[in-house]
Structures are given as structure tokens and as C-alpha cells.
Amino acid sequence: MTTEIRASHILVKTEDEAKKLYDEIINGKSFADAAQEVSLCPSGQNGGDLGFFGKGMMVKPFEDAAFALEVGEISHPVETQFGWHLIQLTDKA
């Protein structure tokens, strides 16, 4: 069982913005570049990298989506109280 994962994310204000970004990334735009350009989270400066984290460290909708991904996979938009996220799983420990 995976106890920790490493993920990157992009945080935006609206679902429409997140959907548009998802389409751009699926069609070849770099996730890290998109994070640096538009993410509202300070992690955007690092390409959205959040480092490793375990269960209970992130808000539940974000955690549930992140832990459901396979390495390299990008989530569809996920809503939390902070806004809309795209999540990319980068590693499992």
C-alpha cells in the first residue's frame, strides 16, 4: 500500500479555467510551465511541485483525487475550498 505520494498541482479560481488548462496540458503543454504561468499557489514557482505527502496532510477532495492517480497521470479538475486544482502524480513511495 502506498503511504506517500509526490504530486504537483495547478490552482485556479474557476472550473472553466481548470478545464481549459487540462485540455492544453493533455494536448502537449508542459504541466510545470502551466503551473508557473497561472497557478495561484506559491508552489507554481516550482512547477507546482508539492513534494511528498501522506494521507491526512491535504484537504480530502484533493487527497482522494491525488491518491487515485497513477504516476504521470493528470486529474480532471478537482474543487476544494481553495479553488480548482489539476493534479499530476509524479511519484509513489
Protein backbone atom coordinates (compact mmCIF):
# COMPACT_ATOMS: atom_id res chain seq x y z
CA MET A 1 0.00 0.00 0.00
CA THR A 2 1.26 3.45 -0.91
CA THR A 3 1.91 5.55 2.16
CA GLU A 4 3.27 8.68 0.49
CA ILE A 5 2.95 10.22 -2.93
CA ARG A 6 4.59 13.13 -4.69
CA ALA A 7 2.37 15.40 -6.71
CA SER A 8 2.31 18.71 -8.49
CA HIS A 9 -0.76 20.87 -8.87
CA ILE A 10 -2.10 23.96 -10.53
CA LEU A 11 -4.60 26.09 -8.59
CA VAL A 12 -7.01 28.39 -10.42
CA LYS A 13 -10.22 30.20 -9.46
CA THR A 14 -12.78 28.69 -11.83
CA GLU A 15 -13.77 25.30 -13.20
CA ASP A 16 -13.73 26.74 -16.75
CA GLU A 17 -10.13 27.88 -16.28
CA ALA A 18 -9.17 24.43 -14.96
CA LYS A 19 -10.90 22.65 -17.87
CA LYS A 20 -9.15 24.87 -20.41
CA LEU A 21 -5.77 24.19 -18.80
CA TYR A 22 -6.49 20.45 -18.67
CA ASP A 23 -7.15 20.45 -22.42
CA GLU A 24 -3.95 22.44 -23.10
CA ILE A 25 -1.85 20.05 -21.00
CA ILE A 26 -3.40 16.91 -22.49
CA ASN A 27 -2.62 18.38 -25.92
CA GLY A 28 1.07 18.87 -25.15
CA LYS A 29 1.58 21.92 -22.91
CA SER A 30 4.05 21.29 -20.09
CA PHE A 31 2.33 20.87 -16.70
CA ALA A 32 5.23 22.67 -15.00
CA ASP A 33 5.13 25.57 -17.46
CA ALA A 34 1.38 25.95 -16.98
CA ALA A 35 1.84 25.93 -13.19
CA GLN A 36 4.49 28.65 -13.38
CA GLU A 37 2.31 30.78 -15.65
CA VAL A 38 -1.07 30.62 -13.92
CA SER A 39 -1.14 28.77 -10.58
CA LEU A 40 -2.40 30.82 -7.64
CA CYS A 41 -0.41 28.63 -5.23
CA PRO A 42 3.18 29.58 -4.32
CA SER A 43 4.18 26.06 -5.45
CA GLY A 44 3.58 27.26 -9.01
CA GLN A 45 7.04 28.84 -8.98
CA ASN A 46 8.40 25.28 -8.65
CA GLY A 47 6.25 23.93 -11.47
CA GLY A 48 3.52 23.09 -8.97
CA ASP A 49 5.64 20.56 -7.05
CA LEU A 50 4.22 19.84 -3.58
CA GLY A 51 6.84 17.24 -2.67
CA PHE A 52 5.93 14.02 -0.87
CA PHE A 53 2.90 13.87 1.42
CA GLY A 54 0.86 11.22 3.16
CA LYS A 55 -2.82 10.77 3.87
CA GLY A 56 -4.31 13.38 6.17
CA MET A 57 -1.94 16.14 5.04
CA MET A 58 -4.12 17.66 2.30
CA VAL A 59 -7.82 18.55 2.16
CA LYS A 60 -9.94 15.46 1.48
CA PRO A 61 -11.10 16.11 -2.12
CA PHE A 62 -7.50 16.88 -3.16
CA GLU A 63 -6.11 13.87 -1.28
CA ASP A 64 -8.72 11.49 -2.69
CA ALA A 65 -8.02 12.60 -6.26
CA ALA A 66 -4.23 12.56 -5.85
CA PHE A 67 -4.08 9.09 -4.29
CA ALA A 68 -6.34 7.69 -7.05
CA LEU A 69 -3.90 8.68 -9.82
CA GLU A 70 -1.16 6.59 -11.41
CA VAL A 71 2.34 8.08 -11.79
CA GLY A 72 2.33 10.53 -14.70
CA GLU A 73 -1.46 10.82 -14.77
CA ILE A 74 -3.23 14.19 -14.56
CA SER A 75 -6.55 14.59 -12.79
CA HIS A 76 -9.61 16.24 -14.18
CA PRO A 77 -10.43 19.47 -12.29
CA VAL A 78 -10.91 18.96 -8.54
CA GLU A 79 -12.72 21.52 -6.40
CA THR A 80 -11.64 22.40 -2.85
CA GLN A 81 -12.28 25.43 -0.65
CA PHE A 82 -9.14 26.97 -2.20
CA GLY A 83 -10.36 26.81 -5.80
CA TRP A 84 -9.95 24.36 -8.68
CA HIS A 85 -6.92 22.08 -9.00
CA LEU A 86 -5.30 19.99 -11.66
CA ILE A 87 -3.11 17.36 -10.02
CA GLN A 88 -0.26 15.41 -11.58
CA LEU A 89 1.08 12.40 -9.69
CA THR A 90 4.87 12.34 -10.07
CA ASP A 91 6.00 9.56 -7.69
CA LYS A 92 4.92 7.00 -5.10
CA ALA A 93 6.90 5.92 -2.05
